[in-house]
Amino acid sequence: MTRAGARRGGLGRTIGIIIVILLLLVVGMFVYADFSLKRTNALPDYSGRPAAGSGTNWLLIGSDSREGLTQAQKDQLATGDSEGARTDTILLLHLPSSGKPTLVSLLRDSYVDIPGNGKNKLNAAFAFGGAPLLQQTVEGATGLHIDHFMEIGFAGFANVVDSIGGVNMCIDKPMVDPKAGLDLKPGCQDLTGAQALGYVRTRATPAADLDRVVHQRQFLAAVLSKVTSASVLANPFRSVPLVSSVPSALTVNNGDHLWHLMSMAFALSSKDLVTTTVPISGSRGTNVGSVVIWDKDKTTRLFGALKTDAAVPQDVLSGQ
């Protein structure tokens, strides 16, 4: 063999070794992230639980838990000092066996039956009994069987956004809300973790909670679109911090793994994703405060379609 041939052979082996090392690192990071996920028995079986239907259903929640935050972090994120946790965001994601995925915002002030606690706001279920009671409440209200669960808290949300270098959002009008620590000018801009948290929490808009859930869906889609992009996955300066931040940011059900989260992320970043807010007929005052009432006919048809993997009727879609 000539010297040139030997050099080429040596270079090829070196490149091969580097590729193998990189692949091992990627696999190692994946295994580490999956092993490090916080898990809980969020979806236990119970008497009278709805049977599994077609496709797969996710219960996605953002909690307002301040657990683990220092006072400086509470001030930076404008979280306040309330103890305990309620669900600040409640989303139901249906992944059909075939067809378009559907993401439904369940308004936190929805007036529903909470098993063992009577009628109350939907977000109170998490405060009363954690994820299992919220699961039972959502399954009872929708008739759907929940297969997977994911919770993210205030600090985890901000850390994930910062780990990918922020998320670009286009703001139509100025958004100012001191309670949420929010002060955004109109135009397209990269939001930091703290700004993003304010954006999805603010109710200081004309339609309050209805605007808020639209912002949450828009931002979630933008985050996951960036997370699944080559600019993050192929960039170790973004992918490594992301993998490091995800395990501490999320809590999932005992049977859930990173590959389930990846499948969910790709569905949420899909251009075919159908988004809507649970149909409501109005609001009224009660002994637990002002609540929203679901439209019985439209919600029955919405969740009936999801249960059978049928196309969601256009007249029940709203708040997209």
Protein backbone atom coordinates (compact mmCIF):
# COMPACT_ATOMS: atom_id res chain seq x y z
CA MET A 1 0.00 0.00 0.00
CA THR A 2 1.26 3.48 -0.87
CA ARG A 3 1.72 6.16 1.76
CA ALA A 4 -1.19 8.11 0.25
CA GLY A 5 -3.39 5.03 0.48
CA ALA A 6 -2.33 4.43 4.07
CA ARG A 7 -3.13 8.05 4.95
CA ARG A 8 -6.56 7.75 3.33
CA GLY A 9 -7.20 4.52 5.19
CA GLY A 10 -6.12 6.10 8.48
CA LEU A 11 -8.34 9.11 7.85
CA GLY A 12 -11.30 6.87 7.06
CA ARG A 13 -10.82 4.90 10.27
CA THR A 14 -10.53 8.13 12.27
CA ILE A 15 -13.76 9.49 10.77
CA GLY A 16 -15.46 6.15 11.43
CA ILE A 17 -14.34 6.18 15.07
CA ILE A 18 -15.58 9.77 15.49
CA ILE A 19 -18.98 8.84 14.02
CA VAL A 20 -19.26 5.82 16.34
CA ILE A 21 -18.35 7.97 19.35
CA LEU A 22 -20.93 10.61 18.39
CA LEU A 23 -23.61 7.94 17.93
CA LEU A 24 -22.76 6.46 21.33
CA LEU A 25 -22.99 9.92 22.89
CA VAL A 26 -26.40 10.50 21.30
CA VAL A 27 -27.68 7.11 22.48
CA GLY A 28 -26.20 7.74 25.92
CA MET A 29 -27.91 11.13 26.16
CA PHE A 30 -31.22 9.57 25.10
CA VAL A 31 -30.96 6.77 27.69
CA TYR A 32 -29.91 9.24 30.40
CA ALA A 33 -32.80 11.60 29.63
CA ASP A 34 -35.35 8.76 29.67
CA PHE A 35 -33.94 7.30 32.90
CA SER A 36 -33.95 10.75 34.54
CA LEU A 37 -37.58 11.62 33.77
CA LYS A 38 -39.69 12.18 36.87
CA ARG A 39 -42.50 9.62 36.93
CA THR A 40 -45.65 9.26 38.99
CA ASN A 41 -48.73 7.06 39.06
CA ALA A 42 -50.79 9.75 37.32
CA LEU A 43 -53.30 7.52 35.53
CA PRO A 44 -54.48 4.75 37.88
CA ASP A 45 -57.41 2.50 37.00
CA TYR A 46 -60.67 2.96 38.90
CA SER A 47 -64.19 1.57 38.84
CA GLY A 48 -66.25 2.96 35.96
CA ARG A 49 -63.27 4.28 34.01
CA PRO A 50 -64.04 4.86 30.29
CA ALA A 51 -62.80 2.10 28.02
CA ALA A 52 -59.97 2.90 25.65
CA GLY A 53 -61.19 4.18 22.29
CA SER A 54 -59.44 4.60 18.96
CA GLY A 55 -56.11 6.41 18.82
CA THR A 56 -54.19 7.76 21.81
CA ASN A 57 -55.05 10.54 24.27
CA TRP A 58 -52.63 12.76 26.19
CA LEU A 59 -53.45 14.94 29.20
CA LEU A 60 -50.98 17.84 29.16
CA ILE A 61 -50.91 20.25 32.08
CA GLY A 62 -48.92 23.27 33.11
CA SER A 63 -49.03 23.66 36.89
CA ASP A 64 -48.46 26.83 38.87
CA SER A 65 -46.32 25.01 41.43
CA ARG A 66 -43.53 27.17 42.89
CA GLU A 67 -41.80 24.12 44.38
CA GLY A 68 -38.02 24.37 44.15
CA LEU A 69 -37.98 28.05 43.18
CA THR A 70 -35.84 30.48 45.13
CA GLN A 71 -37.27 33.89 46.03
CA ALA A 72 -35.09 35.44 43.32
CA GLN A 73 -36.54 33.02 40.73
CA LYS A 74 -40.08 33.77 41.90
CA ASP A 75 -39.38 37.48 41.45
CA GLN A 76 -37.80 36.97 38.01
CA LEU A 77 -40.66 34.79 36.76
CA ALA A 78 -43.37 36.87 38.51
CA THR A 79 -44.94 33.72 39.95
CA GLY A 80 -46.09 35.13 43.27
CA ASP A 81 -45.70 33.23 46.54
CA SER A 82 -48.79 31.01 46.64
CA GLU A 83 -48.19 27.55 48.06
CA GLY A 84 -49.57 24.33 46.58
CA ALA A 85 -50.35 23.86 42.92
CA ARG A 86 -53.25 24.23 40.52
CA THR A 87 -53.34 23.54 36.83
CA ASP A 88 -52.64 26.80 35.02
CA THR A 89 -52.98 25.07 31.64
CA ILE A 90 -55.02 21.96 30.75
CA LEU A 91 -54.77 20.49 27.26
CA LEU A 92 -56.16 17.30 25.75
CA LEU A 93 -54.25 15.93 22.75
CA HIS A 94 -55.76 13.19 20.57
CA LEU A 95 -53.43 11.27 18.25
CA PRO A 96 -55.56 9.24 15.83
CA SER A 97 -54.55 5.92 14.31
CA SER A 98 -54.81 7.78 11.00
CA GLY A 99 -55.78 11.35 10.24
CA LYS A 100 -55.12 14.72 11.86
CA PRO A 101 -54.13 15.14 15.53
CA THR A 102 -56.43 17.37 17.60
CA LEU A 103 -55.45 19.63 20.51
CA VAL A 104 -58.26 20.82 22.79
CA SER A 105 -57.88 23.52 25.46
CA LEU A 106 -59.95 22.70 28.53
CA LEU A 107 -60.70 26.03 30.23
CA ARG A 108 -59.49 25.94 33.83
CA ASP A 109 -62.71 27.63 35.05
CA SER A 110 -64.89 24.91 33.47
CA TYR A 111 -67.70 23.93 35.87
CA VAL A 112 -67.45 20.16 36.21
CA ASP A 113 -68.08 17.31 38.63
CA ILE A 114 -64.96 16.49 40.64
CA PRO A 115 -65.34 12.98 42.12
CA GLY A 116 -65.74 13.18 45.88
CA ASN A 117 -65.80 16.99 45.85
CA GLY A 118 -68.97 17.99 44.00
CA LYS A 119 -69.15 20.72 41.38
CA ASN A 120 -66.13 22.99 41.08
CA LYS A 121 -63.70 24.57 38.65
CA LEU A 122 -61.73 22.04 36.62
CA ASN A 123 -58.35 23.29 37.82
CA ALA A 124 -59.33 22.65 41.45
CA ALA A 125 -59.17 18.89 40.83
CA PHE A 126 -55.37 18.96 40.72
CA ALA A 127 -55.22 20.91 43.98
CA PHE A 128 -57.63 18.49 45.68
CA GLY A 129 -56.11 15.20 44.52
CA GLY A 130 -53.20 15.73 42.16
CA ALA A 131 -52.93 14.14 38.73
CA PRO A 132 -55.10 11.06 39.50
CA LEU A 133 -58.11 13.17 40.49
CA LEU A 134 -57.61 15.48 37.50
CA GLN A 135 -57.43 12.41 35.24
CA GLN A 136 -60.66 11.01 36.70
CA THR A 137 -62.36 14.42 36.39
CA VAL A 138 -61.32 14.90 32.75
CA GLU A 139 -62.25 11.33 31.81
CA GLY A 140 -65.65 11.77 33.49
CA ALA A 141 -66.32 15.07 31.73
CA THR A 142 -65.18 13.96 28.27
CA GLY A 143 -65.86 10.22 28.21
CA LEU A 144 -62.32 9.69 26.86
CA HIS A 145 -59.70 7.28 28.22
CA ILE A 146 -56.42 9.09 28.96
CA ASP A 147 -53.37 7.04 27.89
CA HIS A 148 -50.45 9.39 28.62
CA PHE A 149 -49.73 12.28 30.98
CA MET A 150 -47.25 15.15 31.11
CA GLU A 151 -46.90 17.98 33.63
CA ILE A 152 -44.55 20.95 33.43
CA GLY A 153 -44.13 23.58 36.17
CA PHE A 154 -43.20 27.27 36.04
CA ALA A 155 -39.44 26.83 36.41
CA GLY A 156 -39.25 23.85 34.06
CA PHE A 157 -41.14 25.71 31.35
CA ALA A 158 -38.80 28.71 31.50
CA ASN A 159 -35.68 26.50 31.55
CA VAL A 160 -36.73 24.54 28.45
CA VAL A 161 -37.39 27.76 26.52
CA ASP A 162 -34.02 29.21 27.54
CA SER A 163 -32.20 25.95 26.68
CA ILE A 164 -33.21 26.27 23.01
CA GLY A 165 -32.30 29.95 22.80
CA GLY A 166 -35.81 31.35 23.13
CA VAL A 167 -38.82 31.04 20.83
CA ASN A 168 -39.85 33.49 18.12
CA MET A 169 -43.39 34.83 18.39
CA CYS A 170 -45.15 37.59 16.44
CA ILE A 171 -47.15 39.92 18.68
CA ASP A 172 -49.98 41.96 17.09
CA LYS A 173 -50.47 44.51 19.88
CA PRO A 174 -48.55 45.65 22.98
CA MET A 175 -48.93 43.16 25.84
CA VAL A 176 -48.43 44.60 29.31
CA ASP A 177 -49.34 42.67 32.46
CA PRO A 178 -47.39 43.46 35.66
CA LYS A 179 -48.97 40.47 37.44
CA ALA A 180 -47.46 38.11 34.85
CA GLY A 181 -44.20 40.08 34.54
CA LEU A 182 -45.03 40.83 30.90
CA ASP A 183 -44.11 43.87 28.81
CA LEU A 184 -43.94 43.09 25.08
CA LYS A 185 -43.95 45.46 22.13
CA PRO A 186 -45.69 44.58 18.82
CA GLY A 187 -43.68 42.66 16.23
CA CYS A 188 -41.82 39.37 15.83
CA GLN A 189 -39.31 38.70 18.61
CA ASP A 190 -37.51 35.91 20.47
CA LEU A 191 -39.08 35.40 23.89
CA THR A 192 -36.93 34.36 26.83
CA GLY A 193 -38.17 31.77 29.31
CA ALA A 194 -39.48 34.45 31.69
CA GLN A 195 -41.21 36.36 28.87
CA ALA A 196 -42.72 33.16 27.49
CA LEU A 197 -44.12 32.26 30.90
CA GLY A 198 -45.77 35.68 31.10
CA TYR A 199 -47.12 35.31 27.55
CA VAL A 200 -48.93 32.03 28.25
CA ARG A 201 -50.17 33.13 31.69
CA THR A 202 -51.54 36.61 31.02
CA ARG A 203 -55.28 37.25 31.15
CA ALA A 204 -54.86 41.00 30.57
CA THR A 205 -56.47 40.84 27.11
CA PRO A 206 -60.00 41.62 25.86
CA ALA A 207 -61.14 37.98 25.89
CA ALA A 208 -59.10 37.05 29.00
CA ASP A 209 -59.06 33.24 29.39
CA LEU A 210 -60.20 32.60 25.80
CA ASP A 211 -57.24 34.62 24.47
CA ARG A 212 -55.00 32.95 27.00
CA VAL A 213 -55.68 29.40 25.84
CA VAL A 214 -55.10 30.43 22.21
CA HIS A 215 -51.72 31.92 23.23
CA GLN A 216 -50.88 28.68 25.05
CA ARG A 217 -51.61 26.51 22.00
CA GLN A 218 -49.75 28.87 19.65
CA PHE A 219 -46.71 28.97 21.89
CA LEU A 220 -46.67 25.22 22.51
CA ALA A 221 -46.69 24.60 18.76
CA ALA A 222 -43.87 27.14 18.28
CA VAL A 223 -41.75 25.58 21.04
CA LEU A 224 -42.14 22.05 19.72
CA SER A 225 -41.55 23.15 16.14
CA LYS A 226 -38.20 24.55 17.25
CA VAL A 227 -37.37 21.60 19.52
CA THR A 228 -37.86 19.17 16.62
CA SER A 229 -35.98 21.34 14.10
CA ALA A 230 -32.50 20.58 12.75
CA SER A 231 -31.24 23.88 14.20
CA VAL A 232 -31.71 22.39 17.68
CA LEU A 233 -31.35 18.62 17.20
CA ALA A 234 -28.17 18.93 15.10
CA ASN A 235 -26.64 21.65 17.27
CA PRO A 236 -24.94 20.27 20.40
CA PHE A 237 -24.96 23.74 21.97
CA ARG A 238 -28.78 23.53 21.89
CA SER A 239 -29.52 19.80 22.04
CA VAL A 240 -27.32 19.07 25.08
CA PRO A 241 -28.86 21.84 27.26
CA LEU A 242 -32.30 20.71 26.06
CA VAL A 243 -31.70 17.08 27.03
CA SER A 244 -30.32 18.28 30.37
CA SER A 245 -33.33 20.51 31.11
CA VAL A 246 -36.15 18.17 30.05
CA PRO A 247 -35.87 15.49 32.80
CA SER A 248 -36.08 18.03 35.62
CA ALA A 249 -38.80 20.04 33.84
CA LEU A 250 -41.34 17.28 33.23
CA THR A 251 -43.34 14.76 35.22
CA VAL A 252 -44.87 11.87 33.26
CA ASN A 253 -46.92 8.77 34.00
CA ASN A 254 -45.11 5.63 35.15
CA GLY A 255 -45.44 3.94 31.76
CA ASP A 256 -44.36 6.93 29.68
CA HIS A 257 -40.94 7.22 28.04
CA LEU A 258 -38.95 9.70 26.01
CA TRP A 259 -40.06 8.13 22.72
CA HIS A 260 -43.69 8.76 23.72
CA LEU A 261 -42.79 12.41 24.35
CA MET A 262 -41.06 12.63 20.97
CA SER A 263 -44.11 11.21 19.20
CA MET A 264 -46.28 13.76 20.99
CA ALA A 265 -43.88 16.60 20.12
CA PHE A 266 -43.86 15.76 16.41
CA ALA A 267 -47.68 15.61 16.39
CA LEU A 268 -47.95 19.02 18.05
CA SER A 269 -45.51 20.55 15.57
CA SER A 270 -47.43 19.09 12.60
CA LYS A 271 -49.00 21.48 10.10
CA ASP A 272 -52.05 19.19 10.12
CA LEU A 273 -52.72 19.79 13.83
CA VAL A 274 -56.34 20.80 14.53
CA THR A 275 -56.66 23.16 17.50
CA THR A 276 -59.76 24.26 19.37
CA THR A 277 -61.14 25.35 22.72
CA VAL A 278 -63.78 23.22 24.42
CA PRO A 279 -67.16 24.62 23.26
CA ILE A 280 -68.90 26.73 25.90
CA SER A 281 -72.46 28.03 26.17
CA GLY A 282 -71.76 30.84 28.62
CA SER A 283 -70.60 31.73 32.12
CA ARG A 284 -72.23 32.34 35.49
CA GLY A 285 -71.49 33.02 39.12
CA THR A 286 -71.43 30.18 41.65
CA ASN A 287 -70.30 29.54 45.21
CA VAL A 288 -66.81 28.78 43.79
CA GLY A 289 -66.67 31.98 41.74
CA SER A 290 -67.30 32.75 38.09
CA VAL A 291 -67.30 29.60 35.96
CA VAL A 292 -67.76 28.65 32.30
CA ILE A 293 -70.41 26.14 31.19
CA TRP A 294 -69.70 23.65 28.43
CA ASP A 295 -72.06 23.45 25.45
CA LYS A 296 -73.52 19.99 25.99
CA ASP A 297 -74.38 19.23 22.36
CA LYS A 298 -71.10 20.45 20.87
CA THR A 299 -68.86 18.87 23.51
CA THR A 300 -70.68 15.54 23.10
CA ARG A 301 -70.02 15.62 19.35
CA LEU A 302 -66.42 16.82 19.79
CA PHE A 303 -65.37 14.13 22.24
CA GLY A 304 -67.49 11.51 20.47
CA ALA A 305 -65.53 12.17 17.28
CA LEU A 306 -62.21 11.90 19.11
CA LYS A 307 -63.23 8.64 20.76
CA THR A 308 -63.92 7.01 17.38
CA ASP A 309 -61.10 8.67 15.41
CA ALA A 310 -63.70 10.47 13.28
CA ALA A 311 -63.18 13.94 11.80
CA VAL A 312 -64.19 16.67 14.25
CA PRO A 313 -67.30 18.53 13.00
CA GLN A 314 -66.35 22.01 11.80
CA ASP A 315 -69.13 23.73 13.74
CA VAL A 316 -67.68 22.65 17.10
CA LEU A 317 -64.22 24.11 16.42
CA SER A 318 -63.49 27.49 17.98
CA GLY A 319 -60.70 29.73 19.28
CA GLN A 320 -58.12 28.56 16.75
